[in-house]
């Protein structure tokens, strides 16, 4: 999994780690990063898609 995380952009990685390892909800991730909820959702969605490819 760590190898897969290294393929993500820093923004994607931070969002994914906070949501899935940190246990934060998407709104909590957005508040923590000081960004909008749609941006966080997009980062996580694209990050998970990239992880799927990297780990396949």
PDB file of N, CA and C in Angstrom:
ATOM      1  N   UNK A   1       0.825  -1.196   0.000  1.00  0.00           N
ATOM      2  CA  UNK A   1       0.000   0.000   0.000  1.00  0.00           C
ATOM      3  C   UNK A   1       0.867   1.257   0.000  1.00  0.00           C
ATOM      4  N   UNK A   2       1.977   1.227   0.738  1.00  0.00           N
ATOM      5  CA  UNK A   2       2.841   2.408   0.787  1.00  0.00           C
ATOM      6  C   UNK A   2       3.405   2.729  -0.580  1.00  0.00           C
ATOM      7  N   UNK A   3       3.737   1.699  -1.342  1.00  0.00           N
ATOM      8  CA  UNK A   3       4.234   1.926  -2.695  1.00  0.00           C
ATOM      9  C   UNK A   3       3.149   2.610  -3.522  1.00  0.00           C
ATOM     10  N   UNK A   4       1.922   2.197  -3.354  1.00  0.00           N
ATOM     11  CA  UNK A   4       0.809   2.825  -4.066  1.00  0.00           C
ATOM     12  C   UNK A   4       0.628   4.270  -3.658  1.00  0.00           C
ATOM     13  N   UNK A   5       0.760   4.563  -2.381  1.00  0.00           N
ATOM     14  CA  UNK A   5       0.606   5.942  -1.900  1.00  0.00           C
ATOM     15  C   UNK A   5       1.656   6.861  -2.497  1.00  0.00           C
ATOM     16  N   UNK A   6       2.822   6.329  -2.793  1.00  0.00           N
ATOM     17  CA  UNK A   6       3.888   7.164  -3.352  1.00  0.00           C
ATOM     18  C   UNK A   6       3.577   7.615  -4.776  1.00  0.00           C
ATOM     19  N   UNK A   7       2.605   6.985  -5.415  1.00  0.00           N
ATOM     20  CA  UNK A   7       2.231   7.381  -6.776  1.00  0.00           C
ATOM     21  C   UNK A   7       1.245   8.543  -6.794  1.00  0.00           C
ATOM     22  N   UNK A   8       0.700   8.883  -5.630  1.00  0.00           N
ATOM     23  CA  UNK A   8      -0.287   9.957  -5.552  1.00  0.00           C
ATOM     24  C   UNK A   8       0.385  11.319  -5.465  1.00  0.00           C
ATOM     25  N   UNK A   9      -0.373  12.346  -5.849  1.00  0.00           N
ATOM     26  CA  UNK A   9       0.121  13.707  -5.655  1.00  0.00           C
ATOM     27  C   UNK A   9       0.094  13.992  -4.148  1.00  0.00           C
ATOM     28  N   UNK A  10       0.852  14.977  -3.691  1.00  0.00           N
ATOM     29  CA  UNK A  10       0.824  15.288  -2.253  1.00  0.00           C
ATOM     30  C   UNK A  10      -0.583  15.602  -1.728  1.00  0.00           C
ATOM     31  N   UNK A  11      -1.376  16.330  -2.500  1.00  0.00           N
ATOM     32  CA  UNK A  11      -2.746  16.651  -2.070  1.00  0.00           C
ATOM     33  C   UNK A  11      -3.608  15.405  -1.982  1.00  0.00           C
ATOM     34  N   UNK A  12      -3.495  14.519  -2.971  1.00  0.00           N
ATOM     35  CA  UNK A  12      -4.258  13.280  -2.948  1.00  0.00           C
ATOM     36  C   UNK A  12      -3.842  12.425  -1.761  1.00  0.00           C
ATOM     37  N   UNK A  13      -2.530  12.275  -1.579  1.00  0.00           N
ATOM     38  CA  UNK A  13      -2.014  11.436  -0.501  1.00  0.00           C
ATOM     39  C   UNK A  13      -2.487  11.947   0.859  1.00  0.00           C
ATOM     40  N   UNK A  14      -2.379  13.233   1.092  1.00  0.00           N
ATOM     41  CA  UNK A  14      -2.786  13.792   2.376  1.00  0.00           C
ATOM     42  C   UNK A  14      -4.276  13.567   2.621  1.00  0.00           C
ATOM     43  N   UNK A  15      -5.089  13.777   1.605  1.00  0.00           N
ATOM     44  CA  UNK A  15      -6.539  13.595   1.749  1.00  0.00           C
ATOM     45  C   UNK A  15      -6.894  12.143   2.014  1.00  0.00           C
ATOM     46  N   UNK A  16      -6.294  11.230   1.261  1.00  0.00           N
ATOM     47  CA  UNK A  16      -6.569   9.795   1.429  1.00  0.00           C
ATOM     48  C   UNK A  16      -6.113   9.329   2.807  1.00  0.00           C
ATOM     49  N   UNK A  17      -4.931   9.733   3.219  1.00  0.00           N
ATOM     50  CA  UNK A  17      -4.410   9.302   4.522  1.00  0.00           C
ATOM     51  C   UNK A  17      -5.289   9.821   5.656  1.00  0.00           C
ATOM     52  N   UNK A  18      -5.687  11.078   5.595  1.00  0.00           N
ATOM     53  CA  UNK A  18      -6.544  11.620   6.648  1.00  0.00           C
ATOM     54  C   UNK A  18      -7.883  10.897   6.708  1.00  0.00           C
ATOM     55  N   UNK A  19      -8.448  10.593   5.539  1.00  0.00           N
ATOM     56  CA  UNK A  19      -9.765   9.953   5.510  1.00  0.00           C
ATOM     57  C   UNK A  19      -9.711   8.483   5.917  1.00  0.00           C
ATOM     58  N   UNK A  20      -8.737   7.733   5.388  1.00  0.00           N
ATOM     59  CA  UNK A  20      -8.759   6.295   5.590  1.00  0.00           C
ATOM     60  C   UNK A  20      -7.873   5.811   6.731  1.00  0.00           C
ATOM     61  N   UNK A  21      -6.783   6.486   6.989  1.00  0.00           N
ATOM     62  CA  UNK A  21      -5.934   6.106   8.114  1.00  0.00           C
ATOM     63  C   UNK A  21      -6.245   6.952   9.346  1.00  0.00           C
ATOM     64  N   UNK A  22      -6.633   8.200   9.121  1.00  0.00           N
ATOM     65  CA  UNK A  22      -6.955   9.096  10.226  1.00  0.00           C
ATOM     66  C   UNK A  22      -8.384   8.967  10.704  1.00  0.00           C
ATOM     67  N   UNK A  23      -9.217   8.310   9.911  1.00  0.00           N
ATOM     68  CA  UNK A  23     -10.600   8.099  10.312  1.00  0.00           C
ATOM     69  C   UNK A  23     -11.475   9.339  10.244  1.00  0.00           C
ATOM     70  N   UNK A  24     -11.039  10.353   9.494  1.00  0.00           N
ATOM     71  CA  UNK A  24     -11.826  11.577   9.390  1.00  0.00           C
ATOM     72  C   UNK A  24     -12.872  11.454   8.287  1.00  0.00           C
ATOM     73  N   UNK A  25     -13.981  12.143   8.467  1.00  0.00           N
ATOM     74  CA  UNK A  25     -14.993  12.215   7.418  1.00  0.00           C
ATOM     75  C   UNK A  25     -14.512  13.194   6.354  1.00  0.00           C
ATOM     76  N   UNK A  26     -15.140  13.179   5.195  1.00  0.00           N
ATOM     77  CA  UNK A  26     -14.748  14.100   4.134  1.00  0.00           C
ATOM     78  C   UNK A  26     -14.875  15.557   4.582  1.00  0.00           C
ATOM     79  N   UNK A  27     -15.973  15.946   5.256  1.00  0.00           N
ATOM     80  CA  UNK A  27     -16.049  17.334   5.746  1.00  0.00           C
ATOM     81  C   UNK A  27     -14.939  17.664   6.752  1.00  0.00           C
ATOM     82  N   UNK A  28     -14.564  16.702   7.582  1.00  0.00           N
ATOM     83  CA  UNK A  28     -13.477  16.933   8.537  1.00  0.00           C
ATOM     84  C   UNK A  28     -12.141  17.097   7.819  1.00  0.00           C
ATOM     85  N   UNK A  29     -11.920  16.313   6.776  1.00  0.00           N
ATOM     86  CA  UNK A  29     -10.695  16.450   5.975  1.00  0.00           C
ATOM     87  C   UNK A  29     -10.657  17.836   5.350  1.00  0.00           C
ATOM     88  N   UNK A  30     -11.773  18.269   4.785  1.00  0.00           N
ATOM     89  CA  UNK A  30     -11.840  19.586   4.158  1.00  0.00           C
ATOM     90  C   UNK A  30     -11.527  20.689   5.170  1.00  0.00           C
ATOM     91  N   UNK A  31     -12.083  20.584   6.371  1.00  0.00           N
ATOM     92  CA  UNK A  31     -11.830  21.585   7.401  1.00  0.00           C
ATOM     93  C   UNK A  31     -10.363  21.561   7.833  1.00  0.00           C
ATOM     94  N   UNK A  32      -9.811  20.383   7.995  1.00  0.00           N
ATOM     95  CA  UNK A  32      -8.415  20.248   8.425  1.00  0.00           C
ATOM     96  C   UNK A  32      -7.465  20.844   7.390  1.00  0.00           C
ATOM     97  N   UNK A  33      -7.776  20.637   6.098  1.00  0.00           N
ATOM     98  CA  UNK A  33      -6.900  21.124   5.036  1.00  0.00           C
ATOM     99  C   UNK A  33      -7.228  22.554   4.610  1.00  0.00           C
ATOM    100  N   UNK A  34      -8.348  23.072   5.088  1.00  0.00           N
ATOM    101  CA  UNK A  34      -8.744  24.421   4.718  1.00  0.00           C
ATOM    102  C   UNK A  34      -9.125  24.547   3.262  1.00  0.00           C
ATOM    103  N   UNK A  35      -9.763  23.525   2.760  1.00  0.00           N
ATOM    104  CA  UNK A  35     -10.188  23.516   1.353  1.00  0.00           C
ATOM    105  C   UNK A  35     -11.657  23.118   1.277  1.00  0.00           C
ATOM    106  N   UNK A  36     -12.239  23.267   0.111  1.00  0.00           N
ATOM    107  CA  UNK A  36     -13.652  22.956  -0.048  1.00  0.00           C
ATOM    108  C   UNK A  36     -13.928  21.462  -0.107  1.00  0.00           C
ATOM    109  N   UNK A  37     -15.126  21.098   0.291  1.00  0.00           N
ATOM    110  CA  UNK A  37     -15.535  19.697   0.272  1.00  0.00           C
ATOM    111  C   UNK A  37     -15.482  19.097  -1.135  1.00  0.00           C
ATOM    112  N   UNK A  38     -15.934  19.811  -2.184  1.00  0.00           N
ATOM    113  CA  UNK A  38     -15.841  19.220  -3.522  1.00  0.00           C
ATOM    114  C   UNK A  38     -14.397  18.898  -3.928  1.00  0.00           C
ATOM    115  N   UNK A  39     -13.451  19.734  -3.535  1.00  0.00           N
ATOM    116  CA  UNK A  39     -12.040  19.483  -3.864  1.00  0.00           C
ATOM    117  C   UNK A  39     -11.536  18.233  -3.149  1.00  0.00           C
ATOM    118  N   UNK A  40     -11.908  18.078  -1.891  1.00  0.00           N
ATOM    119  CA  UNK A  40     -11.488  16.904  -1.129  1.00  0.00           C
ATOM    120  C   UNK A  40     -12.079  15.635  -1.733  1.00  0.00           C
ATOM    121  N   UNK A  41     -13.347  15.685  -2.082  1.00  0.00           N
ATOM    122  CA  UNK A  41     -13.988  14.517  -2.695  1.00  0.00           C
ATOM    123  C   UNK A  41     -13.306  14.151  -4.005  1.00  0.00           C
ATOM    124  N   UNK A  42     -12.983  15.149  -4.806  1.00  0.00           N
ATOM    125  CA  UNK A  42     -12.315  14.892  -6.088  1.00  0.00           C
ATOM    126  C   UNK A  42     -10.921  14.312  -5.876  1.00  0.00           C
ATOM    127  N   UNK A  43     -10.177  14.849  -4.912  1.00  0.00           N
ATOM    128  CA  UNK A  43      -8.828  14.343  -4.627  1.00  0.00           C
ATOM    129  C   UNK A  43      -8.870  12.897  -4.172  1.00  0.00           C
ATOM    130  N   UNK A  44      -9.810  12.578  -3.288  1.00  0.00           N
ATOM    131  CA  UNK A  44      -9.902  11.215  -2.781  1.00  0.00           C
ATOM    132  C   UNK A  44     -10.360  10.266  -3.885  1.00  0.00           C
ATOM    133  N   UNK A  45     -11.342  10.686  -4.662  1.00  0.00           N
ATOM    134  CA  UNK A  45     -11.840   9.847  -5.749  1.00  0.00           C
ATOM    135  C   UNK A  45     -10.728   9.544  -6.754  1.00  0.00           C
ATOM    136  N   UNK A  46     -10.000  10.577  -7.175  1.00  0.00           N
ATOM    137  CA  UNK A  46      -8.928  10.356  -8.157  1.00  0.00           C
ATOM    138  C   UNK A  46      -7.762   9.593  -7.525  1.00  0.00           C
ATOM    139  N   UNK A  47      -7.495   9.858  -6.250  1.00  0.00           N
ATOM    140  CA  UNK A  47      -6.437   9.136  -5.560  1.00  0.00           C
ATOM    141  C   UNK A  47      -6.734   7.652  -5.445  1.00  0.00           C
ATOM    142  N   UNK A  48      -7.971   7.307  -5.113  1.00  0.00           N
ATOM    143  CA  UNK A  48      -8.348   5.897  -5.020  1.00  0.00           C
ATOM    144  C   UNK A  48      -8.279   5.213  -6.384  1.00  0.00           C
ATOM    145  N   UNK A  49      -8.650   5.935  -7.429  1.00  0.00           N
ATOM    146  CA  UNK A  49      -8.554   5.368  -8.780  1.00  0.00           C
ATOM    147  C   UNK A  49      -7.088   5.097  -9.138  1.00  0.00           C
ATOM    148  N   UNK A  50      -6.197   6.015  -8.769  1.00  0.00           N
ATOM    149  CA  UNK A  50      -4.777   5.832  -9.034  1.00  0.00           C
ATOM    150  C   UNK A  50      -4.223   4.665  -8.222  1.00  0.00           C
ATOM    151  N   UNK A  51      -4.651   4.536  -6.976  1.00  0.00           N
ATOM    152  CA  UNK A  51      -4.210   3.412  -6.147  1.00  0.00           C
ATOM    153  C   UNK A  51      -4.642   2.090  -6.745  1.00  0.00           C
ATOM    154  N   UNK A  52      -5.855   2.042  -7.254  1.00  0.00           N
ATOM    155  CA  UNK A  52      -6.363   0.821  -7.864  1.00  0.00           C
ATOM    156  C   UNK A  52      -5.466   0.384  -9.010  1.00  0.00           C
ATOM    157  N   UNK A  53      -5.051   1.325  -9.833  1.00  0.00           N
ATOM    158  CA  UNK A  53      -4.166   1.021 -10.957  1.00  0.00           C
ATOM    159  C   UNK A  53      -2.780   0.615 -10.456  1.00  0.00           C
ATOM    160  N   UNK A  54      -2.263   1.353  -9.492  1.00  0.00           N
ATOM    161  CA  UNK A  54      -0.908   1.096  -8.983  1.00  0.00           C
ATOM    162  C   UNK A  54      -0.799  -0.251  -8.294  1.00  0.00           C
ATOM    163  N   UNK A  55      -1.858  -0.683  -7.657  1.00  0.00           N
ATOM    164  CA  UNK A  55      -1.821  -1.933  -6.894  1.00  0.00           C
ATOM    165  C   UNK A  55      -2.320  -3.132  -7.682  1.00  0.00           C
ATOM    166  N   UNK A  56      -2.766  -2.901  -8.899  1.00  0.00           N
ATOM    167  CA  UNK A  56      -3.291  -4.018  -9.712  1.00  0.00           C
ATOM    168  C   UNK A  56      -2.171  -4.847 -10.305  1.00  0.00           C
TER     169      UNK A  56
END
